[in-house]
Amino acid sequence: MTLAHLEDVANIAGAVASLAAAALWFWASSVRLPPFRNIGLDSVSKDFDPVHDAIHRASRRNTFAALASGVAALAFAVAFYCRETQIGL
């Protein structure tokens, strides 16, 4: 594989990963927190379970979005390296 081909592959991978990150972060932001009904000083922990579960779901989704963003950054770094190396040849 030549540097030109590697650059093309890295650019495509970066674009796909960037789109995936955007979609995953949109998905993570779509988690709805349930309303805090009947919650007061005398509430027990089970009253907060739905809220905890929703926050946990959003956190897991954000993990995947951050991973996709990291892949995109790495792919674009490889593409940049390939381009700069070709200029020097």
N, C-alpha and C. Protein backbone atom coordinates (compact mmCIF):
# COMPACT_ATOMS: atom_id res chain seq x y z
N MET A 1 0.86 -1.18 0.00
CA MET A 1 0.00 0.00 0.00
C MET A 1 0.90 1.24 0.00
N THR A 2 0.61 2.13 -0.90
CA THR A 2 1.41 3.35 -0.98
C THR A 2 0.88 4.38 0.02
N LEU A 3 1.67 5.42 0.24
CA LEU A 3 1.23 6.48 1.15
C LEU A 3 -0.04 7.16 0.65
N ALA A 4 -0.17 7.29 -0.67
CA ALA A 4 -1.38 7.91 -1.23
C ALA A 4 -2.62 7.08 -0.90
N HIS A 5 -2.49 5.76 -1.03
CA HIS A 5 -3.62 4.88 -0.70
C HIS A 5 -3.91 4.91 0.80
N LEU A 6 -2.85 4.89 1.59
CA LEU A 6 -3.03 4.95 3.04
C LEU A 6 -3.71 6.26 3.45
N GLU A 7 -3.34 7.35 2.78
CA GLU A 7 -3.96 8.64 3.07
C GLU A 7 -5.45 8.60 2.74
N ASP A 8 -5.80 8.01 1.59
CA ASP A 8 -7.21 7.90 1.20
C ASP A 8 -8.00 7.06 2.22
N VAL A 9 -7.43 5.93 2.61
CA VAL A 9 -8.09 5.07 3.59
C VAL A 9 -8.27 5.80 4.91
N ALA A 10 -7.23 6.51 5.34
CA ALA A 10 -7.30 7.25 6.61
C ALA A 10 -8.35 8.36 6.54
N ASN A 11 -8.42 9.06 5.41
CA ASN A 11 -9.43 10.11 5.26
C ASN A 11 -10.84 9.55 5.30
N ILE A 12 -11.05 8.44 4.64
CA ILE A 12 -12.38 7.81 4.64
C ILE A 12 -12.73 7.32 6.05
N ALA A 13 -11.76 6.67 6.70
CA ALA A 13 -12.00 6.19 8.07
C ALA A 13 -12.29 7.35 9.01
N GLY A 14 -11.56 8.44 8.85
CA GLY A 14 -11.79 9.61 9.69
C GLY A 14 -13.17 10.22 9.47
N ALA A 15 -13.58 10.28 8.21
CA ALA A 15 -14.91 10.83 7.91
C ALA A 15 -16.01 9.94 8.48
N VAL A 16 -15.87 8.63 8.31
CA VAL A 16 -16.88 7.70 8.84
C VAL A 16 -16.93 7.78 10.36
N ALA A 17 -15.76 7.79 11.00
CA ALA A 17 -15.73 7.85 12.46
C ALA A 17 -16.28 9.18 12.97
N SER A 18 -16.03 10.26 12.25
CA SER A 18 -16.59 11.56 12.65
C SER A 18 -18.11 11.56 12.59
N LEU A 19 -18.64 10.99 11.52
CA LEU A 19 -20.10 10.88 11.40
C LEU A 19 -20.67 9.98 12.49
N ALA A 20 -19.97 8.89 12.78
CA ALA A 20 -20.42 7.99 13.84
C ALA A 20 -20.42 8.71 15.19
N ALA A 21 -19.37 9.48 15.46
CA ALA A 21 -19.30 10.21 16.72
C ALA A 21 -20.46 11.19 16.85
N ALA A 22 -20.74 11.91 15.77
CA ALA A 22 -21.85 12.86 15.79
C ALA A 22 -23.17 12.15 16.05
N ALA A 23 -23.38 11.03 15.37
CA ALA A 23 -24.63 10.28 15.54
C ALA A 23 -24.73 9.72 16.96
N LEU A 24 -23.61 9.20 17.49
CA LEU A 24 -23.63 8.63 18.84
C LEU A 24 -23.86 9.70 19.89
N TRP A 25 -23.27 10.88 19.72
CA TRP A 25 -23.51 11.93 20.69
C TRP A 25 -24.94 12.44 20.62
N PHE A 26 -25.50 12.47 19.42
CA PHE A 26 -26.92 12.83 19.31
C PHE A 26 -27.77 11.78 20.02
N TRP A 27 -27.43 10.51 19.85
CA TRP A 27 -28.16 9.41 20.50
C TRP A 27 -28.03 9.53 22.01
N ALA A 28 -26.83 9.84 22.50
CA ALA A 28 -26.62 9.98 23.94
C ALA A 28 -27.43 11.15 24.50
N SER A 29 -27.54 12.21 23.72
CA SER A 29 -28.28 13.38 24.21
C SER A 29 -29.78 13.16 24.18
N SER A 30 -30.23 12.08 23.54
CA SER A 30 -31.67 11.82 23.46
C SER A 30 -32.20 11.08 24.68
N VAL A 31 -31.32 10.72 25.62
CA VAL A 31 -31.78 10.05 26.84
C VAL A 31 -32.58 11.06 27.66
N ARG A 32 -33.77 10.71 27.99
CA ARG A 32 -34.64 11.60 28.76
C ARG A 32 -34.59 11.23 30.23
N LEU A 33 -34.39 12.23 31.05
CA LEU A 33 -34.43 12.00 32.49
C LEU A 33 -35.87 12.02 32.95
N PRO A 34 -36.26 11.06 33.77
CA PRO A 34 -37.63 11.06 34.27
C PRO A 34 -37.82 12.23 35.25
N PRO A 35 -39.05 12.68 35.39
CA PRO A 35 -39.29 13.78 36.32
C PRO A 35 -39.06 13.35 37.77
N PHE A 36 -38.67 14.29 38.58
CA PHE A 36 -38.46 14.04 40.01
C PHE A 36 -39.77 14.25 40.75
N ARG A 37 -40.67 13.31 40.64
CA ARG A 37 -41.97 13.42 41.31
C ARG A 37 -41.88 12.81 42.71
N ASN A 38 -42.50 13.45 43.64
CA ASN A 38 -42.60 12.95 45.01
C ASN A 38 -41.24 12.64 45.63
N ILE A 39 -40.27 13.41 45.30
CA ILE A 39 -38.95 13.22 45.88
C ILE A 39 -38.71 14.35 46.87
N GLY A 40 -38.40 13.95 48.08
CA GLY A 40 -38.15 14.92 49.14
C GLY A 40 -37.09 14.40 50.08
N LEU A 41 -36.98 15.02 51.23
CA LEU A 41 -35.97 14.62 52.20
C LEU A 41 -36.20 13.22 52.75
N ASP A 42 -37.44 12.75 52.67
CA ASP A 42 -37.74 11.41 53.19
C ASP A 42 -37.70 10.34 52.10
N SER A 43 -37.19 10.67 50.92
CA SER A 43 -37.14 9.71 49.81
C SER A 43 -36.09 8.64 50.09
N VAL A 44 -36.36 7.47 49.53
CA VAL A 44 -35.41 6.37 49.65
C VAL A 44 -34.67 6.22 48.31
N SER A 45 -33.60 5.46 48.33
CA SER A 45 -32.75 5.37 47.14
C SER A 45 -33.49 4.82 45.92
N LYS A 46 -34.47 3.96 46.13
CA LYS A 46 -35.18 3.39 44.97
C LYS A 46 -35.97 4.46 44.21
N ASP A 47 -36.26 5.59 44.88
CA ASP A 47 -36.94 6.68 44.19
C ASP A 47 -36.05 7.29 43.11
N PHE A 48 -34.74 7.15 43.28
CA PHE A 48 -33.80 7.74 42.34
C PHE A 48 -33.33 6.74 41.27
N ASP A 49 -33.73 5.50 41.36
CA ASP A 49 -33.27 4.48 40.42
C ASP A 49 -33.56 4.83 38.96
N PRO A 50 -34.75 5.32 38.59
CA PRO A 50 -34.98 5.66 37.19
C PRO A 50 -34.03 6.76 36.69
N VAL A 51 -33.76 7.72 37.54
CA VAL A 51 -32.84 8.80 37.16
C VAL A 51 -31.43 8.25 37.01
N HIS A 52 -31.01 7.43 37.95
CA HIS A 52 -29.69 6.81 37.89
C HIS A 52 -29.54 5.99 36.63
N ASP A 53 -30.55 5.21 36.29
CA ASP A 53 -30.50 4.37 35.09
C ASP A 53 -30.38 5.22 33.82
N ALA A 54 -31.12 6.32 33.75
CA ALA A 54 -31.06 7.19 32.58
C ALA A 54 -29.69 7.84 32.44
N ILE A 55 -29.13 8.29 33.55
CA ILE A 55 -27.80 8.90 33.51
C ILE A 55 -26.76 7.85 33.11
N HIS A 56 -26.91 6.63 33.59
CA HIS A 56 -25.98 5.56 33.24
C HIS A 56 -26.06 5.25 31.74
N ARG A 57 -27.27 5.20 31.18
CA ARG A 57 -27.42 4.96 29.74
C ARG A 57 -26.73 6.05 28.93
N ALA A 58 -26.94 7.30 29.31
CA ALA A 58 -26.30 8.42 28.60
C ALA A 58 -24.79 8.33 28.70
N SER A 59 -24.29 7.96 29.86
CA SER A 59 -22.84 7.85 30.05
C SER A 59 -22.26 6.76 29.16
N ARG A 60 -22.90 5.62 29.07
CA ARG A 60 -22.42 4.53 28.20
C ARG A 60 -22.42 4.97 26.74
N ARG A 61 -23.45 5.67 26.33
CA ARG A 61 -23.52 6.13 24.94
C ARG A 61 -22.42 7.15 24.67
N ASN A 62 -22.14 8.02 25.62
CA ASN A 62 -21.06 9.00 25.47
C ASN A 62 -19.71 8.31 25.35
N THR A 63 -19.54 7.18 26.01
CA THR A 63 -18.29 6.42 25.90
C THR A 63 -18.04 6.01 24.46
N PHE A 64 -19.06 5.48 23.80
CA PHE A 64 -18.91 5.06 22.41
C PHE A 64 -18.67 6.25 21.48
N ALA A 65 -19.33 7.36 21.76
CA ALA A 65 -19.12 8.56 20.94
C ALA A 65 -17.69 9.08 21.09
N ALA A 66 -17.17 9.07 22.30
CA ALA A 66 -15.80 9.52 22.52
C ALA A 66 -14.81 8.59 21.84
N LEU A 67 -15.07 7.31 21.85
CA LEU A 67 -14.21 6.35 21.17
C LEU A 67 -14.20 6.61 19.66
N ALA A 68 -15.36 6.85 19.08
CA ALA A 68 -15.44 7.14 17.65
C ALA A 68 -14.72 8.44 17.32
N SER A 69 -14.81 9.42 18.19
CA SER A 69 -14.10 10.68 17.99
C SER A 69 -12.60 10.47 18.04
N GLY A 70 -12.13 9.63 18.94
CA GLY A 70 -10.71 9.32 19.01
C GLY A 70 -10.21 8.61 17.76
N VAL A 71 -11.00 7.69 17.24
CA VAL A 71 -10.64 7.00 16.00
C VAL A 71 -10.55 8.00 14.85
N ALA A 72 -11.49 8.93 14.80
CA ALA A 72 -11.47 9.95 13.75
C ALA A 72 -10.21 10.81 13.85
N ALA A 73 -9.87 11.23 15.06
CA ALA A 73 -8.69 12.06 15.24
C ALA A 73 -7.43 11.30 14.82
N LEU A 74 -7.33 10.03 15.19
CA LEU A 74 -6.17 9.22 14.82
C LEU A 74 -6.10 9.04 13.30
N ALA A 75 -7.23 8.77 12.68
CA ALA A 75 -7.25 8.58 11.22
C ALA A 75 -6.83 9.85 10.50
N PHE A 76 -7.31 11.00 10.94
CA PHE A 76 -6.92 12.25 10.30
C PHE A 76 -5.46 12.57 10.56
N ALA A 77 -4.92 12.17 11.70
CA ALA A 77 -3.50 12.35 11.98
C ALA A 77 -2.65 11.50 11.02
N VAL A 78 -3.09 10.27 10.76
CA VAL A 78 -2.38 9.41 9.81
C VAL A 78 -2.44 10.03 8.41
N ALA A 79 -3.61 10.53 8.02
CA ALA A 79 -3.75 11.16 6.70
C ALA A 79 -2.84 12.38 6.59
N PHE A 80 -2.77 13.18 7.64
CA PHE A 80 -1.91 14.36 7.64
C PHE A 80 -0.45 13.94 7.51
N TYR A 81 -0.06 12.91 8.24
CA TYR A 81 1.32 12.41 8.16
C TYR A 81 1.64 11.94 6.73
N CYS A 82 0.72 11.21 6.13
CA CYS A 82 0.94 10.74 4.76
C CYS A 82 1.10 11.91 3.80
N ARG A 83 0.26 12.90 3.94
CA ARG A 83 0.33 14.07 3.05
C ARG A 83 1.66 14.81 3.23
N GLU A 84 2.06 15.01 4.48
CA GLU A 84 3.31 15.72 4.74
C GLU A 84 4.52 14.91 4.27
N THR A 85 4.46 13.60 4.38
CA THR A 85 5.56 12.75 3.93
C THR A 85 5.68 12.78 2.42
N GLN A 86 4.56 12.83 1.73
CA GLN A 86 4.59 12.88 0.25
C GLN A 86 5.16 14.20 -0.24
N ILE A 87 4.88 15.28 0.47
CA ILE A 87 5.40 16.59 0.08
C ILE A 87 6.92 16.59 0.17
N GLY A 88 7.44 15.90 1.20
CA GLY A 88 8.88 15.87 1.39
C GLY A 88 9.61 15.00 0.37
N LEU A 89 8.90 14.16 -0.38
CA LEU A 89 9.56 13.26 -1.33
C LEU A 89 9.97 13.95 -2.59
